[in-house]
């Protein structure tokens, strides 16, 4: 398991974002050298956990519990075949493009050591949005991405430091439940009846995902 690239975005004006200034940082490109990773601060205040990376719409993105977004190169390769077009590392707006790691199959609360310093913890799934669809410029993209159910993972920073392309990735902790990123994604999108199951992940969940599951159980039981 290794890190293929660390991808950073710069603000770019586009016609397909809901950001008040019409800009997005979703167009991310591989960095040439090491990149510093640290907790950015609370959502709405903090942005990306990677130095030099831009998160424009901090209403919905960034912050400590969405500090880093990871996507498996294997999933990008599957989409390349389906879309009949090349997809470079960073094409889905991911900060980390990995190899040999089942990102969507990772458990909520699972911890990865990347290189000698950085430890990250899986918190939630990526939910597709209008900006993502505009960036990919594919018809029905949000629905197609949702139906595939391999969304990639957001992570929080447990131990800061520097990472770079080629760093090994090691799973250093796997919690004792079965709540994967893919399961949480389905619960949040197409199969809401799964929400009671995600509570097994407890406080490792992104606070918004935890609150969503708790609200569902309070209303419908579980």
C-alpha atoms as a PDB file:
ATOM      1  CA  UNK A   1       0.000   0.000   0.000  1.00  0.00           C
ATOM      2  CA  UNK A   2       1.432   3.352  -0.963  1.00  0.00           C
ATOM      3  CA  UNK A   3       0.708   6.971  -1.751  1.00  0.00           C
ATOM      4  CA  UNK A   4       0.876   7.618  -5.480  1.00  0.00           C
ATOM      5  CA  UNK A   5       0.427  11.391  -5.310  1.00  0.00           C
ATOM      6  CA  UNK A   6      -0.415  14.291  -3.023  1.00  0.00           C
ATOM      7  CA  UNK A   7      -2.768  16.615  -4.880  1.00  0.00           C
ATOM      8  CA  UNK A   8      -3.309  20.338  -4.280  1.00  0.00           C
ATOM      9  CA  UNK A   9      -5.838  22.773  -5.717  1.00  0.00           C
ATOM     10  CA  UNK A  10      -5.808  26.490  -6.411  1.00  0.00           C
ATOM     11  CA  UNK A  11      -8.883  28.741  -6.582  1.00  0.00           C
ATOM     12  CA  UNK A  12     -10.472  28.711 -10.019  1.00  0.00           C
ATOM     13  CA  UNK A  13     -13.503  30.622 -11.294  1.00  0.00           C
ATOM     14  CA  UNK A  14     -16.112  28.275 -12.799  1.00  0.00           C
ATOM     15  CA  UNK A  15     -19.800  28.506 -13.783  1.00  0.00           C
ATOM     16  CA  UNK A  16     -20.876  25.339 -11.929  1.00  0.00           C
ATOM     17  CA  UNK A  17     -20.313  26.060  -8.237  1.00  0.00           C
ATOM     18  CA  UNK A  18     -22.643  27.408  -5.559  1.00  0.00           C
ATOM     19  CA  UNK A  19     -19.807  29.330  -3.920  1.00  0.00           C
ATOM     20  CA  UNK A  20     -20.806  33.009  -3.537  1.00  0.00           C
ATOM     21  CA  UNK A  21     -17.699  34.148  -5.450  1.00  0.00           C
ATOM     22  CA  UNK A  22     -18.023  31.405  -8.076  1.00  0.00           C
ATOM     23  CA  UNK A  23     -14.693  29.750  -7.300  1.00  0.00           C
ATOM     24  CA  UNK A  24     -13.634  26.199  -6.435  1.00  0.00           C
ATOM     25  CA  UNK A  25     -10.463  24.328  -5.510  1.00  0.00           C
ATOM     26  CA  UNK A  26     -11.657  20.946  -6.808  1.00  0.00           C
ATOM     27  CA  UNK A  27      -9.181  20.917  -9.707  1.00  0.00           C
ATOM     28  CA  UNK A  28      -6.248  19.338  -7.862  1.00  0.00           C
ATOM     29  CA  UNK A  29      -2.844  18.523  -9.326  1.00  0.00           C
ATOM     30  CA  UNK A  30       0.021  16.385  -7.967  1.00  0.00           C
ATOM     31  CA  UNK A  31       2.605  18.242  -5.879  1.00  0.00           C
ATOM     32  CA  UNK A  32       6.275  17.951  -6.782  1.00  0.00           C
ATOM     33  CA  UNK A  33       7.705  17.654  -3.269  1.00  0.00           C
ATOM     34  CA  UNK A  34       6.735  17.079   0.366  1.00  0.00           C
ATOM     35  CA  UNK A  35       3.506  18.576   1.689  1.00  0.00           C
ATOM     36  CA  UNK A  36       2.815  19.517   5.298  1.00  0.00           C
ATOM     37  CA  UNK A  37      -0.348  17.968   6.801  1.00  0.00           C
ATOM     38  CA  UNK A  38      -2.002  19.320   9.957  1.00  0.00           C
ATOM     39  CA  UNK A  39      -5.463  19.761  11.471  1.00  0.00           C
ATOM     40  CA  UNK A  40      -6.912  22.921   9.881  1.00  0.00           C
ATOM     41  CA  UNK A  41      -9.432  23.890  12.566  1.00  0.00           C
ATOM     42  CA  UNK A  42     -13.215  23.585  12.915  1.00  0.00           C
ATOM     43  CA  UNK A  43     -15.466  23.362   9.881  1.00  0.00           C
ATOM     44  CA  UNK A  44     -16.498  26.772   8.673  1.00  0.00           C
ATOM     45  CA  UNK A  45     -13.206  28.223   9.862  1.00  0.00           C
ATOM     46  CA  UNK A  46     -10.565  25.672   8.907  1.00  0.00           C
ATOM     47  CA  UNK A  47     -10.131  24.619   5.307  1.00  0.00           C
ATOM     48  CA  UNK A  48      -7.771  21.941   3.957  1.00  0.00           C
ATOM     49  CA  UNK A  49      -5.397  19.935   6.093  1.00  0.00           C
ATOM     50  CA  UNK A  50      -2.706  20.174   3.401  1.00  0.00           C
ATOM     51  CA  UNK A  51      -0.454  23.193   3.105  1.00  0.00           C
ATOM     52  CA  UNK A  52      -0.888  24.849  -0.274  1.00  0.00           C
ATOM     53  CA  UNK A  53      -4.291  23.306  -0.943  1.00  0.00           C
ATOM     54  CA  UNK A  54      -7.432  25.423  -1.333  1.00  0.00           C
ATOM     55  CA  UNK A  55     -10.915  24.726  -0.008  1.00  0.00           C
ATOM     56  CA  UNK A  56     -13.131  27.574  -1.205  1.00  0.00           C
ATOM     57  CA  UNK A  57     -16.531  26.644   0.185  1.00  0.00           C
ATOM     58  CA  UNK A  58     -15.898  26.063   3.877  1.00  0.00           C
ATOM     59  CA  UNK A  59     -19.653  25.860   4.489  1.00  0.00           C
ATOM     60  CA  UNK A  60     -19.633  22.293   3.149  1.00  0.00           C
ATOM     61  CA  UNK A  61     -15.987  21.270   2.898  1.00  0.00           C
ATOM     62  CA  UNK A  62     -12.811  21.247   4.954  1.00  0.00           C
ATOM     63  CA  UNK A  63     -12.322  21.501   8.684  1.00  0.00           C
ATOM     64  CA  UNK A  64     -10.813  19.033  11.124  1.00  0.00           C
ATOM     65  CA  UNK A  65     -13.153  16.152  10.258  1.00  0.00           C
ATOM     66  CA  UNK A  66     -12.784  16.597   6.481  1.00  0.00           C
ATOM     67  CA  UNK A  67      -9.152  17.660   6.491  1.00  0.00           C
ATOM     68  CA  UNK A  68      -7.982  15.209   3.820  1.00  0.00           C
ATOM     69  CA  UNK A  69      -9.811  13.392   1.014  1.00  0.00           C
ATOM     70  CA  UNK A  70      -8.440  10.095  -0.317  1.00  0.00           C
ATOM     71  CA  UNK A  71      -9.334   8.108  -3.425  1.00  0.00           C
ATOM     72  CA  UNK A  72      -8.024   4.748  -4.613  1.00  0.00           C
ATOM     73  CA  UNK A  73      -6.261   4.713  -7.977  1.00  0.00           C
ATOM     74  CA  UNK A  74      -8.029   1.406  -8.615  1.00  0.00           C
ATOM     75  CA  UNK A  75     -11.407   3.198  -8.499  1.00  0.00           C
ATOM     76  CA  UNK A  76     -10.160   5.906 -10.846  1.00  0.00           C
ATOM     77  CA  UNK A  77      -9.009   3.155 -13.217  1.00  0.00           C
ATOM     78  CA  UNK A  78     -12.495   1.593 -13.146  1.00  0.00           C
ATOM     79  CA  UNK A  79     -14.013   4.965 -14.021  1.00  0.00           C
ATOM     80  CA  UNK A  80     -11.478   5.474 -16.809  1.00  0.00           C
ATOM     81  CA  UNK A  81     -12.713   2.296 -18.466  1.00  0.00           C
ATOM     82  CA  UNK A  82     -16.373   3.220 -18.002  1.00  0.00           C
ATOM     83  CA  UNK A  83     -16.015   6.830 -19.150  1.00  0.00           C
ATOM     84  CA  UNK A  84     -13.508   6.029 -21.922  1.00  0.00           C
ATOM     85  CA  UNK A  85     -11.292   8.951 -20.912  1.00  0.00           C
ATOM     86  CA  UNK A  86      -8.098   9.371 -18.897  1.00  0.00           C
ATOM     87  CA  UNK A  87      -8.384  10.445 -15.272  1.00  0.00           C
ATOM     88  CA  UNK A  88      -5.191  11.827 -13.764  1.00  0.00           C
ATOM     89  CA  UNK A  89      -4.400  11.545 -10.069  1.00  0.00           C
ATOM     90  CA  UNK A  90      -6.429  14.286  -8.389  1.00  0.00           C
ATOM     91  CA  UNK A  91      -9.163  14.191 -11.049  1.00  0.00           C
ATOM     92  CA  UNK A  92     -11.889  13.596  -8.459  1.00  0.00           C
ATOM     93  CA  UNK A  93     -10.612  16.436  -6.285  1.00  0.00           C
ATOM     94  CA  UNK A  94      -8.839  14.030  -3.960  1.00  0.00           C
ATOM     95  CA  UNK A  95      -5.825  15.106  -1.936  1.00  0.00           C
ATOM     96  CA  UNK A  96      -4.387  11.598  -1.760  1.00  0.00           C
ATOM     97  CA  UNK A  97      -4.369   9.076  -4.575  1.00  0.00           C
ATOM     98  CA  UNK A  98      -3.484   5.656  -3.174  1.00  0.00           C
ATOM     99  CA  UNK A  99      -2.492   2.262  -4.520  1.00  0.00           C
ATOM    100  CA  UNK A 100      -3.254  -1.114  -2.947  1.00  0.00           C
ATOM    101  CA  UNK A 101      -5.612   0.343  -0.332  1.00  0.00           C
ATOM    102  CA  UNK A 102      -9.375  -0.321  -0.227  1.00  0.00           C
ATOM    103  CA  UNK A 103     -10.325   3.268   0.588  1.00  0.00           C
ATOM    104  CA  UNK A 104     -14.113   2.886   0.385  1.00  0.00           C
ATOM    105  CA  UNK A 105     -13.859  -0.395   2.300  1.00  0.00           C
ATOM    106  CA  UNK A 106     -11.998   1.274   5.159  1.00  0.00           C
ATOM    107  CA  UNK A 107     -13.661   1.285   8.565  1.00  0.00           C
ATOM    108  CA  UNK A 108     -14.786   4.510  10.173  1.00  0.00           C
ATOM    109  CA  UNK A 109     -12.127   5.186  12.808  1.00  0.00           C
ATOM    110  CA  UNK A 110      -9.480   3.207  10.938  1.00  0.00           C
ATOM    111  CA  UNK A 111      -6.059   4.870  11.164  1.00  0.00           C
ATOM    112  CA  UNK A 112      -3.413   5.071   8.469  1.00  0.00           C
ATOM    113  CA  UNK A 113       0.232   5.940   8.915  1.00  0.00           C
ATOM    114  CA  UNK A 114       1.587   7.610   5.794  1.00  0.00           C
ATOM    115  CA  UNK A 115       5.346   7.904   5.668  1.00  0.00           C
ATOM    116  CA  UNK A 116       7.277   8.218   8.938  1.00  0.00           C
ATOM    117  CA  UNK A 117       5.216  10.974  10.594  1.00  0.00           C
ATOM    118  CA  UNK A 118       1.585  11.393   9.583  1.00  0.00           C
ATOM    119  CA  UNK A 119      -1.358   9.457  11.044  1.00  0.00           C
ATOM    120  CA  UNK A 120      -4.858  10.010   9.635  1.00  0.00           C
ATOM    121  CA  UNK A 121      -8.233   8.663  10.799  1.00  0.00           C
ATOM    122  CA  UNK A 122     -11.165   7.806   8.530  1.00  0.00           C
ATOM    123  CA  UNK A 123     -14.298   9.833   9.357  1.00  0.00           C
ATOM    124  CA  UNK A 124     -16.849   9.712   6.536  1.00  0.00           C
ATOM    125  CA  UNK A 125     -17.626   9.285   2.848  1.00  0.00           C
ATOM    126  CA  UNK A 126     -17.515  11.897   0.118  1.00  0.00           C
ATOM    127  CA  UNK A 127     -21.012  12.976  -0.970  1.00  0.00           C
ATOM    128  CA  UNK A 128     -21.126  14.081  -4.634  1.00  0.00           C
ATOM    129  CA  UNK A 129     -22.329  17.596  -5.425  1.00  0.00           C
ATOM    130  CA  UNK A 130     -23.064  19.969  -8.287  1.00  0.00           C
ATOM    131  CA  UNK A 131     -19.489  21.237  -8.342  1.00  0.00           C
ATOM    132  CA  UNK A 132     -18.156  17.686  -8.709  1.00  0.00           C
ATOM    133  CA  UNK A 133     -20.544  17.056 -11.593  1.00  0.00           C
ATOM    134  CA  UNK A 134     -19.543  20.280 -13.320  1.00  0.00           C
ATOM    135  CA  UNK A 135     -15.872  19.515 -12.846  1.00  0.00           C
ATOM    136  CA  UNK A 136     -16.192  16.056 -14.433  1.00  0.00           C
ATOM    137  CA  UNK A 137     -18.634  17.306 -17.096  1.00  0.00           C
ATOM    138  CA  UNK A 138     -20.426  13.971 -17.276  1.00  0.00           C
ATOM    139  CA  UNK A 139     -24.191  13.548 -17.647  1.00  0.00           C
ATOM    140  CA  UNK A 140     -26.013  12.252 -14.560  1.00  0.00           C
ATOM    141  CA  UNK A 141     -22.679  12.189 -12.772  1.00  0.00           C
ATOM    142  CA  UNK A 142     -24.011  12.576  -9.226  1.00  0.00           C
ATOM    143  CA  UNK A 143     -26.403   9.662  -9.725  1.00  0.00           C
ATOM    144  CA  UNK A 144     -23.799   7.471 -11.421  1.00  0.00           C
ATOM    145  CA  UNK A 145     -21.200   8.127  -8.739  1.00  0.00           C
ATOM    146  CA  UNK A 146     -23.787   7.398  -6.044  1.00  0.00           C
ATOM    147  CA  UNK A 147     -24.890   4.170  -7.688  1.00  0.00           C
ATOM    148  CA  UNK A 148     -21.280   2.940  -7.876  1.00  0.00           C
ATOM    149  CA  UNK A 149     -20.962   3.317  -4.088  1.00  0.00           C
ATOM    150  CA  UNK A 150     -17.177   3.767  -3.979  1.00  0.00           C
ATOM    151  CA  UNK A 151     -16.952   7.366  -2.764  1.00  0.00           C
ATOM    152  CA  UNK A 152     -13.492   7.563  -1.260  1.00  0.00           C
ATOM    153  CA  UNK A 153     -12.877   8.682   2.308  1.00  0.00           C
ATOM    154  CA  UNK A 154     -12.438  11.844   4.315  1.00  0.00           C
ATOM    155  CA  UNK A 155      -9.920  11.754   7.138  1.00  0.00           C
ATOM    156  CA  UNK A 156      -8.918  13.800  10.176  1.00  0.00           C
ATOM    157  CA  UNK A 157      -5.313  14.428  11.180  1.00  0.00           C
ATOM    158  CA  UNK A 158      -4.206  12.549  14.315  1.00  0.00           C
ATOM    159  CA  UNK A 159      -0.467  13.144  13.986  1.00  0.00           C
ATOM    160  CA  UNK A 160       0.773  15.971  11.714  1.00  0.00           C
ATOM    161  CA  UNK A 161       3.867  15.964   9.551  1.00  0.00           C
ATOM    162  CA  UNK A 162       5.026  15.794   5.957  1.00  0.00           C
ATOM    163  CA  UNK A 163       3.983  13.362   3.252  1.00  0.00           C
ATOM    164  CA  UNK A 164       5.050  12.890  -0.342  1.00  0.00           C
ATOM    165  CA  UNK A 165       4.389  10.701  -3.365  1.00  0.00           C
ATOM    166  CA  UNK A 166       5.804   7.220  -2.867  1.00  0.00           C
ATOM    167  CA  UNK A 167       5.314   7.122   0.902  1.00  0.00           C
ATOM    168  CA  UNK A 168       4.157   3.754   2.255  1.00  0.00           C
ATOM    169  CA  UNK A 169       0.684   3.542   3.790  1.00  0.00           C
ATOM    170  CA  UNK A 170       0.172   1.275   6.794  1.00  0.00           C
ATOM    171  CA  UNK A 171      -3.103   0.541   8.572  1.00  0.00           C
ATOM    172  CA  UNK A 172      -2.130   0.940  12.235  1.00  0.00           C
ATOM    173  CA  UNK A 173      -5.585   0.611  13.828  1.00  0.00           C
ATOM    174  CA  UNK A 174      -8.829  -1.070  12.832  1.00  0.00           C
ATOM    175  CA  UNK A 175     -11.781  -0.612  15.197  1.00  0.00           C
ATOM    176  CA  UNK A 176     -13.975  -3.504  16.264  1.00  0.00           C
ATOM    177  CA  UNK A 177     -17.115  -2.689  14.269  1.00  0.00           C
ATOM    178  CA  UNK A 178     -18.175  -3.235  10.638  1.00  0.00           C
ATOM    179  CA  UNK A 179     -19.079   0.306   9.584  1.00  0.00           C
ATOM    180  CA  UNK A 180     -17.193   0.964   6.379  1.00  0.00           C
ATOM    181  CA  UNK A 181     -17.033   4.151   4.357  1.00  0.00           C
ATOM    182  CA  UNK A 182     -19.149   2.462   1.682  1.00  0.00           C
ATOM    183  CA  UNK A 183     -21.804   1.447   4.228  1.00  0.00           C
ATOM    184  CA  UNK A 184     -21.954   4.966   5.651  1.00  0.00           C
ATOM    185  CA  UNK A 185     -22.280   6.353   2.123  1.00  0.00           C
ATOM    186  CA  UNK A 186     -25.244   4.115   1.360  1.00  0.00           C
ATOM    187  CA  UNK A 187     -26.844   5.039   4.682  1.00  0.00           C
ATOM    188  CA  UNK A 188     -26.439   8.737   3.939  1.00  0.00           C
ATOM    189  CA  UNK A 189     -27.765   8.511   0.368  1.00  0.00           C
ATOM    190  CA  UNK A 190     -29.794   5.595  -0.988  1.00  0.00           C
ATOM    191  CA  UNK A 191     -30.464   3.330   2.016  1.00  0.00           C
ATOM    192  CA  UNK A 192     -31.419   5.478   4.980  1.00  0.00           C
ATOM    193  CA  UNK A 193     -32.635   2.433   6.895  1.00  0.00           C
ATOM    194  CA  UNK A 194     -28.944   1.570   7.417  1.00  0.00           C
ATOM    195  CA  UNK A 195     -28.408   4.641   9.596  1.00  0.00           C
ATOM    196  CA  UNK A 196     -28.919   2.833  12.924  1.00  0.00           C
ATOM    197  CA  UNK A 197     -26.017   0.516  12.010  1.00  0.00           C
ATOM    198  CA  UNK A 198     -23.535   3.354  11.584  1.00  0.00           C
ATOM    199  CA  UNK A 199     -23.906   4.335  15.251  1.00  0.00           C
ATOM    200  CA  UNK A 200     -21.596   1.422  16.062  1.00  0.00           C
ATOM    201  CA  UNK A 201     -18.742   3.649  14.876  1.00  0.00           C
ATOM    202  CA  UNK A 202     -19.519   6.128  17.673  1.00  0.00           C
ATOM    203  CA  UNK A 203     -17.450   9.289  18.049  1.00  0.00           C
ATOM    204  CA  UNK A 204     -15.111   8.282  15.250  1.00  0.00           C
ATOM    205  CA  UNK A 205     -17.860   9.363  12.848  1.00  0.00           C
ATOM    206  CA  UNK A 206     -17.856  12.843  11.381  1.00  0.00           C
ATOM    207  CA  UNK A 207     -20.059  14.819  13.832  1.00  0.00           C
ATOM    208  CA  UNK A 208     -22.600  15.571  11.097  1.00  0.00           C
ATOM    209  CA  UNK A 209     -22.881  11.889  10.176  1.00  0.00           C
ATOM    210  CA  UNK A 210     -23.284  10.977  13.848  1.00  0.00           C
ATOM    211  CA  UNK A 211     -25.996  13.601  14.337  1.00  0.00           C
ATOM    212  CA  UNK A 212     -27.814  12.409  11.198  1.00  0.00           C
ATOM    213  CA  UNK A 213     -27.887   8.817  12.437  1.00  0.00           C
ATOM    214  CA  UNK A 214     -28.979   9.850  15.923  1.00  0.00           C
ATOM    215  CA  UNK A 215     -31.789  11.972  14.507  1.00  0.00           C
ATOM    216  CA  UNK A 216     -32.997   9.073  12.356  1.00  0.00           C
ATOM    217  CA  UNK A 217     -33.024   6.658  15.293  1.00  0.00           C
ATOM    218  CA  UNK A 218     -34.846   9.169  17.500  1.00  0.00           C
ATOM    219  CA  UNK A 219     -37.559   9.512  14.859  1.00  0.00           C
ATOM    220  CA  UNK A 220     -37.875   5.996  13.465  1.00  0.00           C
ATOM    221  CA  UNK A 221     -36.147   3.743  15.999  1.00  0.00           C
ATOM    222  CA  UNK A 222     -33.476   1.285  15.163  1.00  0.00           C
END
